[in-house]
Amino acid sequence: MNTSKLLVERIGLFPSSGNIHVEVHNSTHVVERIQVLYADNSLDSDASGAGFSMVFADWRFKLQVSDALSVCLCVESRGDSQFMQVKTAELLANICGTEERP
């Protein structure tokens, strides 16, 4: 089996949003707020110096601080690209909603 076919199969097993860069007013605040919003439902989480990742039964995401005014989001699901798109939209809405809070 050639490498490109293996890659296509892996992408199908774990569809990904790719890295989505979002401009925000305060990246540290956004990361902290999203972490609080999703912590109760996660199976596992890993906080790094500039962000965190969380794992759930059928999906996972990573949110990193790019700089003071932007964050980078990546969402993956287990074999369901439509579900990955729904979760990506949900997280983006929550990121934007976090911006409106004091």
N, C-alpha and C. Protein backbone atom coordinates (compact mmCIF):
# COMPACT_ATOMS: atom_id res chain seq x y z
N MET A 1 0.85 -1.17 0.00
CA MET A 1 0.00 0.00 0.00
C MET A 1 0.90 1.24 0.00
N ASN A 2 0.59 2.20 -0.87
CA ASN A 2 1.45 3.38 -0.95
C ASN A 2 1.12 4.39 0.17
N THR A 3 2.05 5.29 0.36
CA THR A 3 1.94 6.25 1.46
C THR A 3 0.72 7.15 1.34
N SER A 4 0.41 7.62 0.13
CA SER A 4 -0.73 8.53 -0.02
C SER A 4 -2.05 7.83 0.31
N LYS A 5 -2.18 6.55 -0.02
CA LYS A 5 -3.40 5.82 0.31
C LYS A 5 -3.53 5.65 1.82
N LEU A 6 -2.42 5.37 2.50
CA LEU A 6 -2.44 5.27 3.96
C LEU A 6 -2.85 6.59 4.60
N LEU A 7 -2.33 7.68 4.05
CA LEU A 7 -2.67 9.01 4.58
C LEU A 7 -4.16 9.30 4.43
N VAL A 8 -4.72 8.99 3.27
CA VAL A 8 -6.16 9.20 3.04
C VAL A 8 -6.98 8.37 4.02
N GLU A 9 -6.57 7.13 4.27
CA GLU A 9 -7.28 6.28 5.23
C GLU A 9 -7.22 6.86 6.64
N ARG A 10 -6.05 7.37 7.04
CA ARG A 10 -5.91 7.96 8.38
C ARG A 10 -6.77 9.21 8.52
N ILE A 11 -6.81 10.03 7.48
CA ILE A 11 -7.64 11.23 7.51
C ILE A 11 -9.11 10.85 7.67
N GLY A 12 -9.53 9.78 7.01
CA GLY A 12 -10.90 9.31 7.15
C GLY A 12 -11.21 8.79 8.54
N LEU A 13 -10.21 8.20 9.20
CA LEU A 13 -10.43 7.70 10.56
C LEU A 13 -10.53 8.82 11.58
N PHE A 14 -9.79 9.92 11.35
CA PHE A 14 -9.77 11.05 12.28
C PHE A 14 -9.87 12.37 11.51
N PRO A 15 -11.08 12.69 11.00
CA PRO A 15 -11.23 13.96 10.29
C PRO A 15 -10.83 15.14 11.17
N SER A 16 -10.16 16.12 10.57
CA SER A 16 -9.63 17.25 11.31
C SER A 16 -10.04 18.56 10.67
N SER A 17 -10.23 19.55 11.51
CA SER A 17 -10.54 20.89 11.02
C SER A 17 -9.30 21.57 10.45
N GLY A 18 -8.14 21.04 10.81
CA GLY A 18 -6.90 21.75 10.50
C GLY A 18 -6.75 22.89 11.49
N ASN A 19 -5.69 23.62 11.39
CA ASN A 19 -5.46 24.74 12.30
C ASN A 19 -6.27 25.95 11.86
N ILE A 20 -7.12 26.42 12.75
CA ILE A 20 -7.96 27.59 12.49
C ILE A 20 -7.47 28.71 13.40
N HIS A 21 -7.00 29.78 12.80
CA HIS A 21 -6.51 30.93 13.57
C HIS A 21 -7.64 31.94 13.73
N VAL A 22 -7.88 32.34 14.97
CA VAL A 22 -8.99 33.24 15.30
C VAL A 22 -8.42 34.47 16.00
N GLU A 23 -8.76 35.63 15.49
CA GLU A 23 -8.35 36.87 16.15
C GLU A 23 -9.28 37.14 17.32
N VAL A 24 -8.68 37.48 18.47
CA VAL A 24 -9.43 37.74 19.70
C VAL A 24 -8.85 38.98 20.37
N HIS A 25 -9.53 39.46 21.40
CA HIS A 25 -9.05 40.63 22.14
C HIS A 25 -8.04 40.25 23.21
N ASN A 26 -8.22 39.06 23.81
CA ASN A 26 -7.34 38.62 24.89
C ASN A 26 -7.23 37.10 24.82
N SER A 27 -6.19 36.59 24.18
CA SER A 27 -6.07 35.16 23.94
C SER A 27 -5.99 34.34 25.23
N THR A 28 -5.32 34.84 26.23
CA THR A 28 -5.21 34.11 27.50
C THR A 28 -6.58 33.95 28.15
N HIS A 29 -7.39 34.98 28.14
CA HIS A 29 -8.75 34.92 28.69
C HIS A 29 -9.60 33.91 27.92
N VAL A 30 -9.50 33.91 26.61
CA VAL A 30 -10.29 32.98 25.79
C VAL A 30 -9.91 31.54 26.13
N VAL A 31 -8.63 31.25 26.19
CA VAL A 31 -8.19 29.89 26.50
C VAL A 31 -8.68 29.45 27.88
N GLU A 32 -8.56 30.31 28.86
CA GLU A 32 -9.03 29.98 30.21
C GLU A 32 -10.53 29.71 30.23
N ARG A 33 -11.31 30.54 29.54
CA ARG A 33 -12.78 30.40 29.52
C ARG A 33 -13.21 29.11 28.82
N ILE A 34 -12.60 28.80 27.69
CA ILE A 34 -12.97 27.59 26.96
C ILE A 34 -12.59 26.36 27.79
N GLN A 35 -11.47 26.41 28.45
CA GLN A 35 -11.05 25.30 29.30
C GLN A 35 -12.09 25.04 30.39
N VAL A 36 -12.60 26.08 31.01
CA VAL A 36 -13.63 25.94 32.05
C VAL A 36 -14.93 25.40 31.45
N LEU A 37 -15.31 25.89 30.29
CA LEU A 37 -16.57 25.46 29.66
C LEU A 37 -16.60 23.97 29.34
N TYR A 38 -15.47 23.39 28.96
CA TYR A 38 -15.43 22.01 28.50
C TYR A 38 -14.85 21.02 29.51
N ALA A 39 -14.29 21.48 30.60
CA ALA A 39 -13.59 20.60 31.54
C ALA A 39 -14.46 19.50 32.13
N ASP A 40 -15.69 19.80 32.48
CA ASP A 40 -16.54 18.81 33.15
C ASP A 40 -16.85 17.59 32.30
N ASN A 41 -16.86 17.75 30.99
CA ASN A 41 -17.24 16.64 30.10
C ASN A 41 -16.05 15.92 29.48
N SER A 42 -14.85 16.38 29.72
CA SER A 42 -13.69 15.76 29.07
C SER A 42 -13.25 14.49 29.79
N LEU A 43 -12.72 13.56 29.02
CA LEU A 43 -12.17 12.33 29.57
C LEU A 43 -10.72 12.53 30.01
N ASP A 44 -10.04 13.45 29.32
CA ASP A 44 -8.64 13.72 29.62
C ASP A 44 -8.32 15.12 29.11
N SER A 45 -7.39 15.77 29.77
CA SER A 45 -6.94 17.07 29.31
C SER A 45 -5.45 17.21 29.58
N ASP A 46 -4.83 18.06 28.80
CA ASP A 46 -3.40 18.29 28.93
C ASP A 46 -3.15 19.77 28.72
N ALA A 47 -2.72 20.44 29.76
CA ALA A 47 -2.43 21.87 29.66
C ALA A 47 -0.95 22.06 29.37
N SER A 48 -0.68 22.84 28.34
CA SER A 48 0.70 23.21 28.05
C SER A 48 0.86 24.67 28.44
N GLY A 49 2.04 25.20 28.29
CA GLY A 49 2.29 26.58 28.68
C GLY A 49 1.42 27.59 27.98
N ALA A 50 1.05 27.33 26.74
CA ALA A 50 0.33 28.33 25.95
C ALA A 50 -1.01 27.82 25.44
N GLY A 51 -1.63 26.91 26.17
CA GLY A 51 -2.92 26.39 25.72
C GLY A 51 -3.21 25.05 26.36
N PHE A 52 -4.10 24.28 25.72
CA PHE A 52 -4.47 22.98 26.26
C PHE A 52 -5.14 22.14 25.19
N SER A 53 -5.25 20.84 25.48
CA SER A 53 -6.01 19.93 24.63
C SER A 53 -6.95 19.14 25.53
N MET A 54 -8.09 18.74 24.96
CA MET A 54 -9.07 17.94 25.69
C MET A 54 -9.54 16.79 24.80
N VAL A 55 -9.79 15.66 25.46
CA VAL A 55 -10.24 14.46 24.77
C VAL A 55 -11.61 14.08 25.30
N PHE A 56 -12.51 13.74 24.39
CA PHE A 56 -13.86 13.29 24.71
C PHE A 56 -14.06 11.92 24.07
N ALA A 57 -15.19 11.29 24.27
CA ALA A 57 -15.42 9.94 23.75
C ALA A 57 -15.26 9.86 22.23
N ASP A 58 -15.80 10.81 21.50
CA ASP A 58 -15.81 10.73 20.04
C ASP A 58 -15.05 11.85 19.34
N TRP A 59 -14.39 12.71 20.12
CA TRP A 59 -13.69 13.83 19.51
C TRP A 59 -12.66 14.41 20.46
N ARG A 60 -11.86 15.31 19.94
CA ARG A 60 -10.87 16.02 20.76
C ARG A 60 -10.56 17.36 20.12
N PHE A 61 -10.00 18.26 20.92
CA PHE A 61 -9.58 19.53 20.35
C PHE A 61 -8.36 20.06 21.08
N LYS A 62 -7.66 20.96 20.40
CA LYS A 62 -6.51 21.65 20.98
C LYS A 62 -6.72 23.13 20.73
N LEU A 63 -6.50 23.94 21.76
CA LEU A 63 -6.60 25.38 21.65
C LEU A 63 -5.31 25.99 22.18
N GLN A 64 -4.61 26.70 21.33
CA GLN A 64 -3.31 27.27 21.69
C GLN A 64 -3.34 28.78 21.51
N VAL A 65 -2.58 29.46 22.35
CA VAL A 65 -2.37 30.89 22.18
C VAL A 65 -1.35 31.07 21.07
N SER A 66 -1.72 31.81 20.03
CA SER A 66 -0.75 32.14 18.98
C SER A 66 0.05 33.36 19.39
N ASP A 67 -0.66 34.37 19.81
CA ASP A 67 -0.07 35.58 20.38
C ASP A 67 -1.14 36.26 21.22
N ALA A 68 -0.89 37.45 21.71
CA ALA A 68 -1.84 38.11 22.61
C ALA A 68 -3.21 38.34 21.98
N LEU A 69 -3.26 38.40 20.65
CA LEU A 69 -4.51 38.73 19.97
C LEU A 69 -5.02 37.62 19.04
N SER A 70 -4.53 36.39 19.22
CA SER A 70 -5.07 35.30 18.40
C SER A 70 -4.85 33.95 19.06
N VAL A 71 -5.76 33.02 18.74
CA VAL A 71 -5.66 31.64 19.20
C VAL A 71 -5.73 30.73 17.98
N CYS A 72 -5.27 29.50 18.16
CA CYS A 72 -5.29 28.51 17.10
C CYS A 72 -6.07 27.29 17.60
N LEU A 73 -7.09 26.89 16.86
CA LEU A 73 -7.97 25.79 17.23
C LEU A 73 -7.81 24.66 16.23
N CYS A 74 -7.78 23.43 16.72
CA CYS A 74 -7.80 22.24 15.86
C CYS A 74 -8.74 21.23 16.50
N VAL A 75 -9.70 20.73 15.73
CA VAL A 75 -10.70 19.79 16.21
C VAL A 75 -10.60 18.51 15.38
N GLU A 76 -10.68 17.35 16.03
CA GLU A 76 -10.68 16.05 15.35
C GLU A 76 -11.81 15.20 15.92
N SER A 77 -12.36 14.32 15.07
CA SER A 77 -13.38 13.39 15.54
C SER A 77 -12.97 11.97 15.15
N ARG A 78 -13.68 11.01 15.67
CA ARG A 78 -13.42 9.60 15.33
C ARG A 78 -14.29 9.20 14.15
N GLY A 79 -13.78 9.37 12.95
CA GLY A 79 -14.43 8.87 11.75
C GLY A 79 -15.71 9.56 11.33
N ASP A 80 -15.99 10.74 11.80
CA ASP A 80 -17.23 11.42 11.47
C ASP A 80 -16.95 12.89 11.15
N SER A 81 -16.78 13.18 9.86
CA SER A 81 -16.41 14.54 9.47
C SER A 81 -17.53 15.54 9.75
N GLN A 82 -18.79 15.11 9.65
CA GLN A 82 -19.90 16.02 9.95
C GLN A 82 -19.90 16.40 11.43
N PHE A 83 -19.66 15.43 12.31
CA PHE A 83 -19.60 15.70 13.75
C PHE A 83 -18.44 16.65 14.05
N MET A 84 -17.30 16.44 13.38
CA MET A 84 -16.15 17.33 13.56
C MET A 84 -16.53 18.75 13.17
N GLN A 85 -17.26 18.93 12.10
CA GLN A 85 -17.69 20.26 11.66
C GLN A 85 -18.63 20.90 12.67
N VAL A 86 -19.53 20.11 13.25
CA VAL A 86 -20.46 20.62 14.27
C VAL A 86 -19.69 21.10 15.50
N LYS A 87 -18.74 20.28 15.96
CA LYS A 87 -17.96 20.65 17.14
C LYS A 87 -17.06 21.85 16.86
N THR A 88 -16.53 21.94 15.65
CA THR A 88 -15.71 23.09 15.28
C THR A 88 -16.55 24.37 15.34
N ALA A 89 -17.75 24.32 14.76
CA ALA A 89 -18.65 25.48 14.78
C ALA A 89 -19.02 25.85 16.22
N GLU A 90 -19.28 24.84 17.05
CA GLU A 90 -19.62 25.08 18.45
C GLU A 90 -18.47 25.79 19.19
N LEU A 91 -17.27 25.28 19.01
CA LEU A 91 -16.11 25.89 19.67
C LEU A 91 -15.87 27.31 19.17
N LEU A 92 -15.98 27.52 17.87
CA LEU A 92 -15.79 28.88 17.34
C LEU A 92 -16.83 29.84 17.90
N ALA A 93 -18.08 29.37 18.02
CA ALA A 93 -19.12 30.21 18.61
C ALA A 93 -18.80 30.52 20.07
N ASN A 94 -18.31 29.53 20.80
CA ASN A 94 -17.94 29.76 22.20
C ASN A 94 -16.74 30.68 22.33
N ILE A 95 -15.80 30.57 21.42
CA ILE A 95 -14.65 31.47 21.43
C ILE A 95 -15.12 32.91 21.21
N CYS A 96 -15.98 33.09 20.23
CA CYS A 96 -16.51 34.44 19.96
C CYS A 96 -17.38 34.92 21.11
N GLY A 97 -18.17 34.04 21.72
CA GLY A 97 -19.00 34.39 22.85
C GLY A 97 -18.19 34.77 24.07
N THR A 98 -17.05 34.14 24.24
CA THR A 98 -16.15 34.47 25.34
C THR A 98 -15.65 35.90 25.21
N GLU A 99 -15.47 36.35 24.00
CA GLU A 99 -14.98 37.69 23.75
C GLU A 99 -15.96 38.77 24.24
N GLU A 100 -17.24 38.43 24.27
CA GLU A 100 -18.24 39.40 24.66
C GLU A 100 -18.41 39.52 26.16
N ARG A 101 -17.85 38.57 26.92
CA ARG A 101 -17.99 38.59 28.38
C ARG A 101 -16.94 39.48 29.01
N PRO A 102 -17.26 40.09 30.12
CA PRO A 102 -16.27 40.97 30.79
C PRO A 102 -15.14 40.16 31.41
